[in-house]
PDB file of N, CA and C in Angstrom:
ATOM      1  N   MET A   1       0.849  -1.178   0.000  1.00  0.00           N
ATOM      2  CA  MET A   1       0.000   0.000   0.000  1.00  0.00           C
ATOM      3  C   MET A   1       0.894   1.240   0.000  1.00  0.00           C
ATOM      4  N   LYS A   2       0.664   2.148  -0.913  1.00  0.00           N
ATOM      5  CA  LYS A   2       1.460   3.359  -1.007  1.00  0.00           C
ATOM      6  C   LYS A   2       1.064   4.338   0.082  1.00  0.00           C
ATOM      7  N   LYS A   3       2.058   5.078   0.550  1.00  0.00           N
ATOM      8  CA  LYS A   3       1.814   6.105   1.549  1.00  0.00           C
ATOM      9  C   LYS A   3       1.564   7.420   0.820  1.00  0.00           C
ATOM     10  N   ARG A   4       0.291   7.779   0.695  1.00  0.00           N
ATOM     11  CA  ARG A   4      -0.070   9.009  -0.007  1.00  0.00           C
ATOM     12  C   ARG A   4      -0.793   9.963   0.924  1.00  0.00           C
ATOM     13  N   PHE A   5      -0.551  11.236   0.741  1.00  0.00           N
ATOM     14  CA  PHE A   5      -1.278  12.282   1.450  1.00  0.00           C
ATOM     15  C   PHE A   5      -1.339  12.004   2.943  1.00  0.00           C
ATOM     16  N   ARG A   6      -0.240  11.591   3.521  1.00  0.00           N
ATOM     17  CA  ARG A   6      -0.228  11.185   4.915  1.00  0.00           C
ATOM     18  C   ARG A   6       0.719  12.060   5.712  1.00  0.00           C
ATOM     19  N   SER A   7       0.240  12.547   6.840  1.00  0.00           N
ATOM     20  CA  SER A   7       1.103  13.273   7.764  1.00  0.00           C
ATOM     21  C   SER A   7       1.506  12.313   8.881  1.00  0.00           C
ATOM     22  N   GLU A   8       2.333  12.784   9.787  1.00  0.00           N
ATOM     23  CA  GLU A   8       2.788  11.923  10.873  1.00  0.00           C
ATOM     24  C   GLU A   8       1.660  11.504  11.801  1.00  0.00           C
ATOM     25  N   ASN A   9       0.599  12.257  11.858  1.00  0.00           N
ATOM     26  CA  ASN A   9      -0.506  11.971  12.771  1.00  0.00           C
ATOM     27  C   ASN A   9      -1.778  11.578  12.024  1.00  0.00           C
ATOM     28  N   SER A  10      -1.653  10.742  11.028  1.00  0.00           N
ATOM     29  CA  SER A  10      -2.808  10.339  10.228  1.00  0.00           C
ATOM     30  C   SER A  10      -3.605   9.249  10.931  1.00  0.00           C
ATOM     31  N   TYR A  11      -4.912   9.344  10.796  1.00  0.00           N
ATOM     32  CA  TYR A  11      -5.831   8.366  11.374  1.00  0.00           C
ATOM     33  C   TYR A  11      -6.637   7.723  10.261  1.00  0.00           C
ATOM     34  N   ALA A  12      -7.052   6.479  10.495  1.00  0.00           N
ATOM     35  CA  ALA A  12      -7.924   5.780   9.554  1.00  0.00           C
ATOM     36  C   ALA A  12      -9.047   5.133  10.341  1.00  0.00           C
ATOM     37  N   LEU A  13     -10.266   5.285   9.854  1.00  0.00           N
ATOM     38  CA  LEU A  13     -11.439   4.655  10.432  1.00  0.00           C
ATOM     39  C   LEU A  13     -11.742   3.407   9.611  1.00  0.00           C
ATOM     40  N   VAL A  14     -11.755   2.247  10.279  1.00  0.00           N
ATOM     41  CA  VAL A  14     -11.996   0.985   9.588  1.00  0.00           C
ATOM     42  C   VAL A  14     -13.262   0.354  10.167  1.00  0.00           C
ATOM     43  N   THR A  15     -14.281   0.212   9.331  1.00  0.00           N
ATOM     44  CA  THR A  15     -15.497  -0.475   9.760  1.00  0.00           C
ATOM     45  C   THR A  15     -15.402  -1.940   9.357  1.00  0.00           C
ATOM     46  N   GLY A  16     -16.084  -2.787  10.111  1.00  0.00           N
ATOM     47  CA  GLY A  16     -16.006  -4.222   9.841  1.00  0.00           C
ATOM     48  C   GLY A  16     -14.627  -4.762  10.144  1.00  0.00           C
ATOM     49  N   ALA A  17     -13.977  -4.184  11.153  1.00  0.00           N
ATOM     50  CA  ALA A  17     -12.569  -4.480  11.426  1.00  0.00           C
ATOM     51  C   ALA A  17     -12.320  -5.833  12.083  1.00  0.00           C
ATOM     52  N   SER A  18     -13.362  -6.559  12.450  1.00  0.00           N
ATOM     53  CA  SER A  18     -13.141  -7.813  13.182  1.00  0.00           C
ATOM     54  C   SER A  18     -12.889  -9.010  12.275  1.00  0.00           C
ATOM     55  N   SER A  19     -13.177  -8.877  10.974  1.00  0.00           N
ATOM     56  CA  SER A  19     -12.960 -10.030  10.090  1.00  0.00           C
ATOM     57  C   SER A  19     -12.885  -9.583   8.633  1.00  0.00           C
ATOM     58  N   GLY A  20     -12.473 -10.517   7.798  1.00  0.00           N
ATOM     59  CA  GLY A  20     -12.480 -10.315   6.351  1.00  0.00           C
ATOM     60  C   GLY A  20     -11.666  -9.141   5.872  1.00  0.00           C
ATOM     61  N   MET A  21     -12.253  -8.412   4.925  1.00  0.00           N
ATOM     62  CA  MET A  21     -11.547  -7.290   4.297  1.00  0.00           C
ATOM     63  C   MET A  21     -11.221  -6.186   5.293  1.00  0.00           C
ATOM     64  N   GLY A  22     -12.130  -5.919   6.207  1.00  0.00           N
ATOM     65  CA  GLY A  22     -11.880  -4.875   7.198  1.00  0.00           C
ATOM     66  C   GLY A  22     -10.683  -5.189   8.071  1.00  0.00           C
ATOM     67  N   ARG A  23     -10.568  -6.449   8.490  1.00  0.00           N
ATOM     68  CA  ARG A  23      -9.442  -6.863   9.321  1.00  0.00           C
ATOM     69  C   ARG A  23      -8.122  -6.737   8.559  1.00  0.00           C
ATOM     70  N   GLU A  24      -8.118  -7.175   7.314  1.00  0.00           N
ATOM     71  CA  GLU A  24      -6.906  -7.093   6.500  1.00  0.00           C
ATOM     72  C   GLU A  24      -6.536  -5.644   6.206  1.00  0.00           C
ATOM     73  N   TYR A  25      -7.529  -4.814   5.926  1.00  0.00           N
ATOM     74  CA  TYR A  25      -7.274  -3.401   5.658  1.00  0.00           C
ATOM     75  C   TYR A  25      -6.683  -2.728   6.894  1.00  0.00           C
ATOM     76  N   ALA A  26      -7.197  -3.086   8.077  1.00  0.00           N
ATOM     77  CA  ALA A  26      -6.650  -2.547   9.325  1.00  0.00           C
ATOM     78  C   ALA A  26      -5.187  -2.945   9.473  1.00  0.00           C
ATOM     79  N   ARG A  27      -4.865  -4.185   9.137  1.00  0.00           N
ATOM     80  CA  ARG A  27      -3.480  -4.651   9.237  1.00  0.00           C
ATOM     81  C   ARG A  27      -2.564  -3.857   8.301  1.00  0.00           C
ATOM     82  N   LEU A  28      -3.019  -3.657   7.069  1.00  0.00           N
ATOM     83  CA  LEU A  28      -2.212  -2.916   6.097  1.00  0.00           C
ATOM     84  C   LEU A  28      -2.003  -1.465   6.525  1.00  0.00           C
ATOM     85  N   LEU A  29      -3.057  -0.840   7.013  1.00  0.00           N
ATOM     86  CA  LEU A  29      -2.933   0.550   7.456  1.00  0.00           C
ATOM     87  C   LEU A  29      -2.007   0.662   8.661  1.00  0.00           C
ATOM     88  N   ALA A  30      -2.097  -0.275   9.590  1.00  0.00           N
ATOM     89  CA  ALA A  30      -1.217  -0.267  10.758  1.00  0.00           C
ATOM     90  C   ALA A  30       0.234  -0.442  10.324  1.00  0.00           C
ATOM     91  N   ASP A  31       0.461  -1.328   9.360  1.00  0.00           N
ATOM     92  CA  ASP A  31       1.818  -1.531   8.844  1.00  0.00           C
ATOM     93  C   ASP A  31       2.375  -0.260   8.214  1.00  0.00           C
ATOM     94  N   ASP A  32       1.498   0.578   7.662  1.00  0.00           N
ATOM     95  CA  ASP A  32       1.922   1.844   7.066  1.00  0.00           C
ATOM     96  C   ASP A  32       2.036   2.971   8.094  1.00  0.00           C
ATOM     97  N   GLY A  33       1.745   2.673   9.358  1.00  0.00           N
ATOM     98  CA  GLY A  33       1.935   3.663  10.414  1.00  0.00           C
ATOM     99  C   GLY A  33       0.727   4.502  10.766  1.00  0.00           C
ATOM    100  N   TYR A  34      -0.441   4.162  10.251  1.00  0.00           N
ATOM    101  CA  TYR A  34      -1.645   4.914  10.583  1.00  0.00           C
ATOM    102  C   TYR A  34      -2.103   4.601  12.001  1.00  0.00           C
ATOM    103  N   ASN A  35      -2.678   5.587  12.670  1.00  0.00           N
ATOM    104  CA  ASN A  35      -3.405   5.370  13.910  1.00  0.00           C
ATOM    105  C   ASN A  35      -4.784   4.870  13.511  1.00  0.00           C
ATOM    106  N   LEU A  36      -5.273   3.821  14.169  1.00  0.00           N
ATOM    107  CA  LEU A  36      -6.527   3.206  13.742  1.00  0.00           C
ATOM    108  C   LEU A  36      -7.666   3.482  14.704  1.00  0.00           C
ATOM    109  N   ILE A  37      -8.839   3.680  14.121  1.00  0.00           N
ATOM    110  CA  ILE A  37     -10.100   3.704  14.846  1.00  0.00           C
ATOM    111  C   ILE A  37     -10.879   2.520  14.293  1.00  0.00           C
ATOM    112  N   LEU A  38     -11.068   1.487  15.117  1.00  0.00           N
ATOM    113  CA  LEU A  38     -11.695   0.246  14.658  1.00  0.00           C
ATOM    114  C   LEU A  38     -13.153   0.188  15.090  1.00  0.00           C
ATOM    115  N   VAL A  39     -14.012  -0.257  14.171  1.00  0.00           N
ATOM    116  CA  VAL A  39     -15.434  -0.415  14.444  1.00  0.00           C
ATOM    117  C   VAL A  39     -15.840  -1.819  14.031  1.00  0.00           C
ATOM    118  N   ALA A  40     -16.537  -2.525  14.940  1.00  0.00           N
ATOM    119  CA  ALA A  40     -17.016  -3.875  14.639  1.00  0.00           C
ATOM    120  C   ALA A  40     -18.207  -4.192  15.543  1.00  0.00           C
ATOM    121  N   LEU A  41     -18.964  -5.204  15.169  1.00  0.00           N
ATOM    122  CA  LEU A  41     -20.128  -5.593  15.957  1.00  0.00           C
ATOM    123  C   LEU A  41     -19.775  -6.450  17.166  1.00  0.00           C
ATOM    124  N   VAL A  42     -18.725  -7.249  17.061  1.00  0.00           N
ATOM    125  CA  VAL A  42     -18.364  -8.176  18.128  1.00  0.00           C
ATOM    126  C   VAL A  42     -17.135  -7.652  18.862  1.00  0.00           C
ATOM    127  N   GLN A  43     -17.330  -7.214  20.099  1.00  0.00           N
ATOM    128  CA  GLN A  43     -16.267  -6.586  20.878  1.00  0.00           C
ATOM    129  C   GLN A  43     -15.043  -7.489  21.036  1.00  0.00           C
ATOM    130  N   GLU A  44     -15.237  -8.757  21.337  1.00  0.00           N
ATOM    131  CA  GLU A  44     -14.109  -9.655  21.577  1.00  0.00           C
ATOM    132  C   GLU A  44     -13.238  -9.805  20.330  1.00  0.00           C
ATOM    133  N   GLU A  45     -13.867  -9.897  19.172  1.00  0.00           N
ATOM    134  CA  GLU A  45     -13.107 -10.017  17.926  1.00  0.00           C
ATOM    135  C   GLU A  45     -12.355  -8.722  17.616  1.00  0.00           C
ATOM    136  N   MET A  46     -12.992  -7.605  17.893  1.00  0.00           N
ATOM    137  CA  MET A  46     -12.336  -6.326  17.658  1.00  0.00           C
ATOM    138  C   MET A  46     -11.148  -6.161  18.609  1.00  0.00           C
ATOM    139  N   ASP A  47     -11.276  -6.602  19.852  1.00  0.00           N
ATOM    140  CA  ASP A  47     -10.166  -6.544  20.800  1.00  0.00           C
ATOM    141  C   ASP A  47      -8.978  -7.360  20.299  1.00  0.00           C
ATOM    142  N   ALA A  48      -9.261  -8.512  19.693  1.00  0.00           N
ATOM    143  CA  ALA A  48      -8.196  -9.361  19.141  1.00  0.00           C
ATOM    144  C   ALA A  48      -7.457  -8.640  18.029  1.00  0.00           C
ATOM    145  N   VAL A  49      -8.183  -7.960  17.163  1.00  0.00           N
ATOM    146  CA  VAL A  49      -7.559  -7.215  16.074  1.00  0.00           C
ATOM    147  C   VAL A  49      -6.715  -6.074  16.652  1.00  0.00           C
ATOM    148  N   ALA A  50      -7.241  -5.367  17.622  1.00  0.00           N
ATOM    149  CA  ALA A  50      -6.507  -4.256  18.233  1.00  0.00           C
ATOM    150  C   ALA A  50      -5.206  -4.752  18.865  1.00  0.00           C
ATOM    151  N   THR A  51      -5.255  -5.921  19.515  1.00  0.00           N
ATOM    152  CA  THR A  51      -4.064  -6.485  20.133  1.00  0.00           C
ATOM    153  C   THR A  51      -3.034  -6.862  19.077  1.00  0.00           C
ATOM    154  N   GLU A  52      -3.488  -7.427  17.965  1.00  0.00           N
ATOM    155  CA  GLU A  52      -2.576  -7.798  16.880  1.00  0.00           C
ATOM    156  C   GLU A  52      -1.856  -6.578  16.315  1.00  0.00           C
ATOM    157  N   GLN A  53      -2.550  -5.452  16.238  1.00  0.00           N
ATOM    158  CA  GLN A  53      -2.011  -4.258  15.589  1.00  0.00           C
ATOM    159  C   GLN A  53      -1.196  -3.391  16.539  1.00  0.00           C
ATOM    160  N   ALA A  54      -1.231  -3.675  17.818  1.00  0.00           N
ATOM    161  CA  ALA A  54      -0.519  -2.848  18.817  1.00  0.00           C
ATOM    162  C   ALA A  54       0.970  -3.066  18.765  1.00  0.00           C
TER     163      ALA A  54
END
Protein backbone atom coordinates (compact mmCIF):
# COMPACT_ATOMS: atom_id res chain seq x y z
CA MET A 1 0.00 0.00 0.00
CA LYS A 2 1.46 3.36 -1.01
CA LYS A 3 1.81 6.11 1.55
CA ARG A 4 -0.07 9.01 -0.01
CA PHE A 5 -1.28 12.28 1.45
CA ARG A 6 -0.23 11.19 4.92
CA SER A 7 1.10 13.27 7.76
CA GLU A 8 2.79 11.92 10.87
CA ASN A 9 -0.51 11.97 12.77
CA SER A 10 -2.81 10.34 10.23
CA TYR A 11 -5.83 8.37 11.37
CA ALA A 12 -7.92 5.78 9.55
CA LEU A 13 -11.44 4.65 10.43
CA VAL A 14 -12.00 0.99 9.59
CA THR A 15 -15.50 -0.48 9.76
CA GLY A 16 -16.01 -4.22 9.84
CA ALA A 17 -12.57 -4.48 11.43
CA SER A 18 -13.14 -7.81 13.18
CA SER A 19 -12.96 -10.03 10.09
CA GLY A 20 -12.48 -10.31 6.35
CA MET A 21 -11.55 -7.29 4.30
CA GLY A 22 -11.88 -4.88 7.20
CA ARG A 23 -9.44 -6.86 9.32
CA GLU A 24 -6.91 -7.09 6.50
CA TYR A 25 -7.27 -3.40 5.66
CA ALA A 26 -6.65 -2.55 9.32
CA ARG A 27 -3.48 -4.65 9.24
CA LEU A 28 -2.21 -2.92 6.10
CA LEU A 29 -2.93 0.55 7.46
CA ALA A 30 -1.22 -0.27 10.76
CA ASP A 31 1.82 -1.53 8.84
CA ASP A 32 1.92 1.84 7.07
CA GLY A 33 1.93 3.66 10.41
CA TYR A 34 -1.65 4.91 10.58
CA ASN A 35 -3.40 5.37 13.91
CA LEU A 36 -6.53 3.21 13.74
CA ILE A 37 -10.10 3.70 14.85
CA LEU A 38 -11.70 0.25 14.66
CA VAL A 39 -15.43 -0.42 14.44
CA ALA A 40 -17.02 -3.87 14.64
CA LEU A 41 -20.13 -5.59 15.96
CA VAL A 42 -18.36 -8.18 18.13
CA GLN A 43 -16.27 -6.59 20.88
CA GLU A 44 -14.11 -9.66 21.58
CA GLU A 45 -13.11 -10.02 17.93
CA MET A 46 -12.34 -6.33 17.66
CA ASP A 47 -10.17 -6.54 20.80
CA ALA A 48 -8.20 -9.36 19.14
CA VAL A 49 -7.56 -7.21 16.07
CA ALA A 50 -6.51 -4.26 18.23
CA THR A 51 -4.06 -6.49 20.13
CA GLU A 52 -2.58 -7.80 16.88
CA GLN A 53 -2.01 -4.26 15.59
CA ALA A 54 -0.52 -2.85 18.82
